[in-house]
Amino acid sequence: MAAFQLDLPQFESRNAQVVGISSDFPMTNTAWSEKLGLTFPLVSDFPRKTLEAYGILDTDPNSLLYRYAKRAYLIIDKTGVLRYKKILDNPRELVSNDELLAELDKLK
């Protein structure tokens, strides 16, 4: 999340809005957002409906992350069409902002 904050002007210059979403309680997200100094929304999907709809929810009952969000990156256009989706199996992995910015550039 901190990397998104650092590169936020680059995303905004491409008319993109960064939004974080997690399965945590709203109060947890607020505290996390304040700690990191985020100026973009970090929203809670505690019911996990959006996470499930996009295939981001870990549904393996044997997984340590069962019923939690997998690390994922989505680009959804202004009409609601999913243009990019990358779900990572390892929660420690990250997609670089450069890769995401390049994907946004392809949509121009």
C-alpha atoms as a PDB file:
ATOM      1  CA  MET A   1       0.000   0.000   0.000  1.00  0.00           C
ATOM      2  CA  ALA A   2       2.849   2.357   0.793  1.00  0.00           C
ATOM      3  CA  ALA A   3       4.249   1.889  -2.729  1.00  0.00           C
ATOM      4  CA  PHE A   4       0.898   2.918  -4.198  1.00  0.00           C
ATOM      5  CA  GLN A   5       0.959   6.039  -2.061  1.00  0.00           C
ATOM      6  CA  LEU A   6       4.449   6.931  -3.299  1.00  0.00           C
ATOM      7  CA  ASP A   7       3.431   6.539  -6.946  1.00  0.00           C
ATOM      8  CA  LEU A   8      -0.096   7.906  -6.551  1.00  0.00           C
ATOM      9  CA  PRO A   9       0.613  10.956  -8.768  1.00  0.00           C
ATOM     10  CA  GLN A  10       1.633   8.628 -11.610  1.00  0.00           C
ATOM     11  CA  PHE A  11      -1.626   6.696 -11.319  1.00  0.00           C
ATOM     12  CA  GLU A  12      -3.661   9.889 -11.109  1.00  0.00           C
ATOM     13  CA  SER A  13      -1.913  11.325 -14.179  1.00  0.00           C
ATOM     14  CA  ARG A  14      -3.347   8.349 -16.069  1.00  0.00           C
ATOM     15  CA  ASN A  15      -6.839   9.146 -14.742  1.00  0.00           C
ATOM     16  CA  ALA A  16      -6.727   6.077 -12.503  1.00  0.00           C
ATOM     17  CA  GLN A  17      -8.113   5.912  -8.999  1.00  0.00           C
ATOM     18  CA  VAL A  18      -6.300   3.648  -6.559  1.00  0.00           C
ATOM     19  CA  VAL A  19      -8.551   1.796  -4.112  1.00  0.00           C
ATOM     20  CA  GLY A  20      -7.438  -0.828  -1.634  1.00  0.00           C
ATOM     21  CA  ILE A  21      -9.884  -3.494  -0.500  1.00  0.00           C
ATOM     22  CA  SER A  22      -9.539  -6.083   2.227  1.00  0.00           C
ATOM     23  CA  SER A  23     -11.595  -8.501   4.264  1.00  0.00           C
ATOM     24  CA  ASP A  24     -10.588  -6.775   7.505  1.00  0.00           C
ATOM     25  CA  PHE A  25     -12.932  -4.818   9.746  1.00  0.00           C
ATOM     26  CA  PRO A  26     -13.426  -1.163   8.720  1.00  0.00           C
ATOM     27  CA  MET A  27     -11.750   0.004  11.956  1.00  0.00           C
ATOM     28  CA  THR A  28      -8.682  -2.078  11.153  1.00  0.00           C
ATOM     29  CA  ASN A  29      -8.470  -0.538   7.684  1.00  0.00           C
ATOM     30  CA  THR A  30      -8.804   2.959   9.126  1.00  0.00           C
ATOM     31  CA  ALA A  31      -5.941   2.353  11.556  1.00  0.00           C
ATOM     32  CA  TRP A  32      -3.781   0.802   8.820  1.00  0.00           C
ATOM     33  CA  SER A  33      -4.536   3.662   6.440  1.00  0.00           C
ATOM     34  CA  GLU A  34      -3.637   6.264   9.061  1.00  0.00           C
ATOM     35  CA  LYS A  35      -0.427   4.441   9.997  1.00  0.00           C
ATOM     36  CA  LEU A  36       0.709   4.376   6.357  1.00  0.00           C
ATOM     37  CA  GLY A  37      -0.525   7.893   5.610  1.00  0.00           C
ATOM     38  CA  LEU A  38      -2.692   6.722   2.728  1.00  0.00           C
ATOM     39  CA  THR A  39      -4.672   9.367   0.883  1.00  0.00           C
ATOM     40  CA  PHE A  40      -6.563   6.889  -1.289  1.00  0.00           C
ATOM     41  CA  PRO A  41      -9.514   4.791  -0.066  1.00  0.00           C
ATOM     42  CA  LEU A  42      -8.881   1.551   1.791  1.00  0.00           C
ATOM     43  CA  VAL A  43     -12.257  -0.140   2.052  1.00  0.00           C
ATOM     44  CA  SER A  44     -13.550  -3.160   3.906  1.00  0.00           C
ATOM     45  CA  ASP A  45     -15.345  -6.048   2.270  1.00  0.00           C
ATOM     46  CA  PHE A  46     -15.940  -7.869   5.522  1.00  0.00           C
ATOM     47  CA  PRO A  47     -18.910  -9.775   4.010  1.00  0.00           C
ATOM     48  CA  ARG A  48     -16.413 -10.811   1.282  1.00  0.00           C
ATOM     49  CA  LYS A  49     -18.964 -10.456  -1.528  1.00  0.00           C
ATOM     50  CA  THR A  50     -16.766  -8.363  -3.836  1.00  0.00           C
ATOM     51  CA  LEU A  51     -13.711 -10.490  -3.115  1.00  0.00           C
ATOM     52  CA  GLU A  52     -15.668 -13.607  -3.965  1.00  0.00           C
ATOM     53  CA  ALA A  53     -17.146 -12.067  -7.118  1.00  0.00           C
ATOM     54  CA  TYR A  54     -13.670 -11.319  -8.487  1.00  0.00           C
ATOM     55  CA  GLY A  55     -12.210 -14.691  -7.450  1.00  0.00           C
ATOM     56  CA  ILE A  56      -9.877 -13.121  -4.908  1.00  0.00           C
ATOM     57  CA  LEU A  57     -11.180 -14.896  -1.808  1.00  0.00           C
ATOM     58  CA  ASP A  58      -9.162 -17.897  -0.633  1.00  0.00           C
ATOM     59  CA  THR A  59     -11.742 -20.688  -0.522  1.00  0.00           C
ATOM     60  CA  ASP A  60      -9.389 -23.571   0.310  1.00  0.00           C
ATOM     61  CA  PRO A  61     -10.358 -24.745   3.816  1.00  0.00           C
ATOM     62  CA  ASN A  62      -6.840 -26.183   4.237  1.00  0.00           C
ATOM     63  CA  SER A  63      -5.193 -22.827   3.559  1.00  0.00           C
ATOM     64  CA  LEU A  64      -3.873 -20.600   6.326  1.00  0.00           C
ATOM     65  CA  LEU A  65      -5.561 -17.732   4.468  1.00  0.00           C
ATOM     66  CA  TYR A  66      -8.968 -19.412   4.226  1.00  0.00           C
ATOM     67  CA  ARG A  67     -11.714 -16.770   3.869  1.00  0.00           C
ATOM     68  CA  TYR A  68      -9.134 -13.985   3.513  1.00  0.00           C
ATOM     69  CA  ALA A  69      -8.337 -11.999   0.406  1.00  0.00           C
ATOM     70  CA  LYS A  70      -5.503 -13.188  -1.784  1.00  0.00           C
ATOM     71  CA  ARG A  71      -3.069 -10.512  -2.920  1.00  0.00           C
ATOM     72  CA  ALA A  72      -4.553  -9.343  -6.196  1.00  0.00           C
ATOM     73  CA  TYR A  73      -4.411  -6.449  -8.610  1.00  0.00           C
ATOM     74  CA  LEU A  74      -7.353  -5.378 -10.735  1.00  0.00           C
ATOM     75  CA  ILE A  75      -7.805  -2.640 -13.287  1.00  0.00           C
ATOM     76  CA  ILE A  76     -11.464  -1.876 -13.865  1.00  0.00           C
ATOM     77  CA  ASP A  77     -12.398   0.754 -16.421  1.00  0.00           C
ATOM     78  CA  LYS A  78     -14.936   3.527 -15.905  1.00  0.00           C
ATOM     79  CA  THR A  79     -17.704   1.362 -17.381  1.00  0.00           C
ATOM     80  CA  GLY A  80     -17.020  -1.453 -14.903  1.00  0.00           C
ATOM     81  CA  VAL A  81     -15.199  -3.748 -17.336  1.00  0.00           C
ATOM     82  CA  LEU A  82     -12.329  -5.728 -15.832  1.00  0.00           C
ATOM     83  CA  ARG A  83      -9.257  -4.941 -17.977  1.00  0.00           C
ATOM     84  CA  TYR A  84      -6.483  -6.533 -15.918  1.00  0.00           C
ATOM     85  CA  LYS A  85      -6.419  -9.139 -13.183  1.00  0.00           C
ATOM     86  CA  LYS A  86      -3.464 -10.736 -11.479  1.00  0.00           C
ATOM     87  CA  ILE A  87      -3.865 -12.906  -8.394  1.00  0.00           C
ATOM     88  CA  LEU A  88      -0.738 -13.971  -6.551  1.00  0.00           C
ATOM     89  CA  ASP A  89      -0.540 -17.237  -4.643  1.00  0.00           C
ATOM     90  CA  ASN A  90       2.208 -15.961  -2.360  1.00  0.00           C
ATOM     91  CA  PRO A  91       1.006 -13.055  -0.189  1.00  0.00           C
ATOM     92  CA  ARG A  92       4.596 -11.793   0.054  1.00  0.00           C
ATOM     93  CA  GLU A  93       4.843 -11.269  -3.705  1.00  0.00           C
ATOM     94  CA  LEU A  94       4.018  -7.924  -5.251  1.00  0.00           C
ATOM     95  CA  VAL A  95       3.305  -6.646  -8.728  1.00  0.00           C
ATOM     96  CA  SER A  96       5.429  -3.607  -9.436  1.00  0.00           C
ATOM     97  CA  ASN A  97       3.762  -0.277  -9.933  1.00  0.00           C
ATOM     98  CA  ASP A  98       5.688  -0.021 -13.204  1.00  0.00           C
ATOM     99  CA  GLU A  99       3.846  -3.101 -14.483  1.00  0.00           C
ATOM    100  CA  LEU A 100       0.488  -1.682 -13.428  1.00  0.00           C
ATOM    101  CA  LEU A 101       1.258   1.717 -14.960  1.00  0.00           C
ATOM    102  CA  ALA A 102       2.253  -0.018 -18.209  1.00  0.00           C
ATOM    103  CA  GLU A 103      -1.097  -1.848 -18.199  1.00  0.00           C
ATOM    104  CA  LEU A 104      -2.888   1.470 -17.740  1.00  0.00           C
ATOM    105  CA  ASP A 105      -0.914   2.924 -20.643  1.00  0.00           C
ATOM    106  CA  LYS A 106      -2.160   0.087 -22.869  1.00  0.00           C
ATOM    107  CA  LEU A 107      -5.734   1.211 -22.245  1.00  0.00           C
ATOM    108  CA  LYS A 108      -5.236   4.652 -23.772  1.00  0.00           C
END
